């Protein structure tokens, strides 16, 4: 997480025992096995509060940004990381940023959480694709000097914007912090249409009747026009 360029006052480095997580997750043997086989270690790396940063808290009726916790999870293999990170976001009440490491590549994840009737509600998990040193623009954008530090919510959302921007760039081909929400919607729509086209192509390959094949081809053509 050195790319954040956080001051040393924010360092809070310590290992998190897996047994602690099992307790909060009410993990059965199947879930414990999932962690044991896939996760090497989990660490809390940084902690940002008003006391060590002078960044104001943000508390409203259904949002609480009183501190931001930064975790690193090292994986033994890939493929299950997004399931595990969603589980962790769901049990940690504080605002969390989680870096997922596998060999020389990494993802980074945040989550939008709301408090409803004193209960934590996980609204959205935002996880980047696998990042390498080739993602220079994204990595450079992660320096904390670039973040909005009006309060801990704006600081946190500065990171979320960057995660969304790099996700969109995988489809749109350009990393941009302008119109992040608009680009997010556009890239999600493109991805949805592409999935629908692939599904129709599979359906077309299985279809024997010519009149039904013609209908499927017509749908694919319409979707390709929408993509353009």
Protein backbone atom coordinates (compact mmCIF):
# COMPACT_ATOMS: atom_id res chain seq x y z
CA UNK A 1 0.00 0.00 0.00
CA UNK A 2 3.00 2.26 -0.33
CA UNK A 3 1.41 3.86 -3.40
CA UNK A 4 -0.91 5.83 -1.04
CA UNK A 5 2.11 7.71 0.35
CA UNK A 6 0.50 7.84 3.78
CA UNK A 7 2.37 9.55 6.64
CA UNK A 8 3.99 7.25 9.19
CA UNK A 9 1.49 8.41 11.85
CA UNK A 10 -1.17 6.36 10.08
CA UNK A 11 0.73 3.07 10.27
CA UNK A 12 -1.01 0.50 12.44
CA UNK A 13 0.58 -2.69 11.22
CA UNK A 14 -0.50 -5.95 12.84
CA UNK A 15 -1.61 -9.42 11.83
CA UNK A 16 -5.27 -10.36 12.12
CA UNK A 17 -5.71 -13.99 13.26
CA UNK A 18 -8.07 -15.96 11.06
CA UNK A 19 -9.77 -17.26 14.21
CA UNK A 20 -10.97 -13.71 14.91
CA UNK A 21 -12.68 -13.63 11.52
CA UNK A 22 -14.25 -17.06 11.98
CA UNK A 23 -15.90 -15.79 15.15
CA UNK A 24 -17.45 -12.73 13.48
CA UNK A 25 -18.47 -14.71 10.39
CA UNK A 26 -19.99 -17.55 12.43
CA UNK A 27 -17.93 -19.68 10.06
CA UNK A 28 -18.77 -23.33 9.58
CA UNK A 29 -16.13 -25.90 8.61
CA UNK A 30 -16.69 -25.25 4.90
CA UNK A 31 -15.99 -21.52 5.26
CA UNK A 32 -12.98 -22.15 7.51
CA UNK A 33 -11.59 -24.50 4.87
CA UNK A 34 -12.12 -21.78 2.24
CA UNK A 35 -9.93 -19.38 4.23
CA UNK A 36 -7.31 -21.99 5.12
CA UNK A 37 -6.87 -23.12 1.50
CA UNK A 38 -6.92 -19.68 -0.11
CA UNK A 39 -5.65 -17.07 2.37
CA UNK A 40 -2.03 -16.85 3.45
CA UNK A 41 -2.37 -13.96 5.92
CA UNK A 42 -4.40 -10.86 6.75
CA UNK A 43 -2.92 -7.65 8.10
CA UNK A 44 -4.23 -4.31 9.25
CA UNK A 45 -1.74 -1.84 7.73
CA UNK A 46 -3.13 1.67 8.28
CA UNK A 47 -5.73 3.41 10.37
CA UNK A 48 -6.93 6.97 9.72
CA UNK A 49 -8.81 8.89 12.40
CA UNK A 50 -9.34 12.56 13.18
CA UNK A 51 -6.76 12.28 15.98
CA UNK A 52 -3.90 11.21 13.72
CA UNK A 53 -4.90 13.09 10.56
CA UNK A 54 -6.93 16.19 11.51
CA UNK A 55 -9.43 15.10 8.85
CA UNK A 56 -12.92 15.71 10.18
CA UNK A 57 -15.32 12.83 10.82
CA UNK A 58 -18.55 12.60 8.85
CA UNK A 59 -21.60 11.24 10.66
CA UNK A 60 -25.19 11.40 9.43
CA UNK A 61 -28.37 9.47 10.10
CA UNK A 62 -27.29 6.46 8.02
CA UNK A 63 -23.59 7.03 7.34
CA UNK A 64 -20.60 6.90 9.68
CA UNK A 65 -17.11 7.83 8.55
CA UNK A 66 -15.27 8.03 11.88
CA UNK A 67 -12.17 6.11 10.81
CA UNK A 68 -10.83 4.29 7.77
CA UNK A 69 -9.12 0.93 8.11
CA UNK A 70 -6.71 -0.46 5.50
CA UNK A 71 -6.16 -4.21 5.26
CA UNK A 72 -3.94 -6.42 3.11
CA UNK A 73 -4.91 -10.01 2.30
CA UNK A 74 -2.28 -12.28 0.75
CA UNK A 75 -3.78 -15.14 -1.26
CA UNK A 76 -2.32 -18.56 -2.00
CA UNK A 77 -4.29 -18.76 -5.26
CA UNK A 78 -6.72 -16.63 -7.22
CA UNK A 79 -10.36 -17.16 -8.04
CA UNK A 80 -12.06 -16.85 -4.65
CA UNK A 81 -10.71 -13.42 -3.62
CA UNK A 82 -13.83 -11.38 -4.40
CA UNK A 83 -16.07 -13.67 -2.34
CA UNK A 84 -13.73 -13.36 0.63
CA UNK A 85 -13.37 -9.58 0.35
CA UNK A 86 -17.16 -9.17 0.26
CA UNK A 87 -17.47 -11.26 3.42
CA UNK A 88 -14.90 -9.08 5.18
CA UNK A 89 -16.49 -5.81 4.10
CA UNK A 90 -19.75 -7.15 5.50
CA UNK A 91 -18.43 -7.82 9.01
CA UNK A 92 -16.19 -4.77 9.49
CA UNK A 93 -18.41 -1.86 10.59
CA UNK A 94 -15.82 0.83 9.86
CA UNK A 95 -15.00 2.20 6.41
CA UNK A 96 -12.56 -0.28 4.89
CA UNK A 97 -10.08 -0.46 2.05
CA UNK A 98 -8.72 -3.95 1.34
CA UNK A 99 -5.80 -4.81 -0.90
CA UNK A 100 -5.83 -8.36 -2.31
CA UNK A 101 -2.41 -9.69 -3.25
CA UNK A 102 -1.49 -12.69 -5.34
CA UNK A 103 2.16 -13.05 -6.39
CA UNK A 104 3.07 -9.83 -8.26
CA UNK A 105 -0.47 -8.63 -8.98
CA UNK A 106 -3.05 -7.00 -6.75
CA UNK A 107 -6.60 -5.72 -6.56
CA UNK A 108 -7.94 -3.08 -4.23
CA UNK A 109 -11.44 -2.91 -2.86
CA UNK A 110 -13.75 -0.53 -1.03
CA UNK A 111 -17.40 -0.66 -0.04
CA UNK A 112 -20.35 1.63 0.43
CA UNK A 113 -21.99 0.89 3.79
CA UNK A 114 -25.08 2.35 5.40
CA UNK A 115 -26.42 2.09 8.93
CA UNK A 116 -30.13 1.24 9.09
CA UNK A 117 -31.83 0.78 12.47
CA UNK A 118 -28.39 0.44 14.07
CA UNK A 119 -27.54 -2.39 11.66
CA UNK A 120 -24.79 -2.35 9.06
CA UNK A 121 -25.97 -2.69 5.47
CA UNK A 122 -23.47 -3.42 2.72
CA UNK A 123 -24.78 -1.55 -0.33
CA UNK A 124 -21.99 -2.00 -2.87
CA UNK A 125 -18.52 -3.53 -3.07
CA UNK A 126 -16.16 -1.88 -5.56
CA UNK A 127 -13.14 -4.02 -6.47
CA UNK A 128 -10.66 -3.18 -9.21
CA UNK A 129 -9.40 -5.67 -11.79
CA UNK A 130 -5.95 -7.16 -11.18
CA UNK A 131 -3.40 -4.33 -11.22
CA UNK A 132 0.19 -4.52 -12.54
CA UNK A 133 2.95 -1.94 -12.91
CA UNK A 134 1.52 -1.14 -16.35
CA UNK A 135 -1.43 0.65 -14.69
CA UNK A 136 0.76 3.71 -14.10
CA UNK A 137 -1.95 6.39 -14.30
CA UNK A 138 -4.11 4.60 -11.76
CA UNK A 139 -1.22 3.92 -9.39
CA UNK A 140 -0.03 7.54 -9.54
CA UNK A 141 -3.57 8.76 -8.84
CA UNK A 142 -3.60 6.85 -5.53
CA UNK A 143 -1.24 9.23 -3.74
CA UNK A 144 -3.20 10.62 -0.78
CA UNK A 145 -2.12 14.15 -1.71
CA UNK A 146 -4.66 13.92 -4.56
CA UNK A 147 -7.61 13.12 -2.29
CA UNK A 148 -10.36 15.46 -1.09
CA UNK A 149 -9.68 15.78 2.64
CA UNK A 150 -12.70 17.92 3.59
CA UNK A 151 -13.76 15.04 5.80
CA UNK A 152 -13.27 11.28 6.06
CA UNK A 153 -16.20 10.62 3.74
CA UNK A 154 -14.81 12.75 0.90
CA UNK A 155 -11.37 11.24 1.53
CA UNK A 156 -12.79 7.72 1.29
CA UNK A 157 -14.86 8.54 -1.79
CA UNK A 158 -11.75 9.89 -3.50
CA UNK A 159 -10.40 6.34 -3.39
CA UNK A 160 -13.71 4.82 -4.50
CA UNK A 161 -13.74 7.18 -7.52
CA UNK A 162 -10.33 5.86 -8.57
CA UNK A 163 -11.41 2.24 -8.19
CA UNK A 164 -14.46 2.90 -10.37
CA UNK A 165 -12.35 4.79 -12.90
CA UNK A 166 -9.87 1.94 -13.37
CA UNK A 167 -12.74 -0.56 -13.68
CA UNK A 168 -14.30 1.59 -16.41
CA UNK A 169 -10.94 1.96 -18.17
CA UNK A 170 -10.83 -1.78 -18.82
CA UNK A 171 -13.87 -1.36 -21.08
CA UNK A 172 -13.61 2.26 -22.25
CA UNK A 173 -9.84 2.10 -22.83
CA UNK A 174 -9.09 5.37 -21.00
CA UNK A 175 -8.43 6.05 -17.31
CA UNK A 176 -10.16 9.29 -16.35
CA UNK A 177 -11.31 10.90 -13.12
CA UNK A 178 -13.69 13.15 -15.03
CA UNK A 179 -17.35 12.02 -15.12
CA UNK A 180 -16.58 8.93 -13.03
CA UNK A 181 -20.23 8.06 -12.44
CA UNK A 182 -21.16 8.60 -16.08
CA UNK A 183 -18.26 6.41 -17.24
CA UNK A 184 -19.21 3.78 -14.66
CA UNK A 185 -22.77 3.64 -15.99
CA UNK A 186 -21.55 3.53 -19.59
CA UNK A 187 -19.01 0.75 -18.96
CA UNK A 188 -21.56 -1.31 -17.00
CA UNK A 189 -24.06 -0.93 -19.82
CA UNK A 190 -21.44 -2.00 -22.40
CA UNK A 191 -20.46 -5.01 -20.28
CA UNK A 192 -24.13 -5.98 -19.89
CA UNK A 193 -24.73 -5.79 -23.66
CA UNK A 194 -21.57 -7.80 -24.38
CA UNK A 195 -22.72 -10.53 -21.99
CA UNK A 196 -26.13 -10.58 -23.62
CA UNK A 197 -24.55 -10.91 -27.07
CA UNK A 198 -22.35 -13.80 -25.91
CA UNK A 199 -25.38 -15.52 -24.40
CA UNK A 200 -27.34 -15.13 -27.65
CA UNK A 201 -24.41 -16.51 -29.68
CA UNK A 202 -24.41 -19.64 -27.52
CA UNK A 203 -28.17 -19.90 -27.98
CA UNK A 204 -27.70 -19.48 -31.75
CA UNK A 205 -25.19 -22.33 -31.91
CA UNK A 206 -27.68 -24.68 -30.24
CA UNK A 207 -30.76 -23.59 -32.21
CA UNK A 208 -31.82 -25.93 -35.07
CA UNK A 209 -34.84 -24.11 -36.49
CA UNK A 210 -34.09 -21.45 -39.10
CA UNK A 211 -36.91 -19.08 -38.14
CA UNK A 212 -35.70 -19.02 -34.51
CA UNK A 213 -32.09 -18.58 -35.66
CA UNK A 214 -33.22 -15.58 -37.72
CA UNK A 215 -34.83 -14.03 -34.63
CA UNK A 216 -31.65 -14.50 -32.60
CA UNK A 217 -29.48 -13.03 -35.36
CA UNK A 218 -31.79 -10.01 -35.50
CA UNK A 219 -31.42 -9.50 -31.72
CA UNK A 220 -27.61 -9.77 -31.95
CA UNK A 221 -27.52 -7.24 -34.80
CA UNK A 222 -29.65 -4.79 -32.77
CA UNK A 223 -27.39 -5.16 -29.73
CA UNK A 224 -24.24 -4.61 -31.84
CA UNK A 225 -25.77 -1.39 -33.15
CA UNK A 226 -26.44 -0.32 -29.57
CA UNK A 227 -22.81 -1.02 -28.68
CA UNK A 228 -21.60 1.25 -31.47
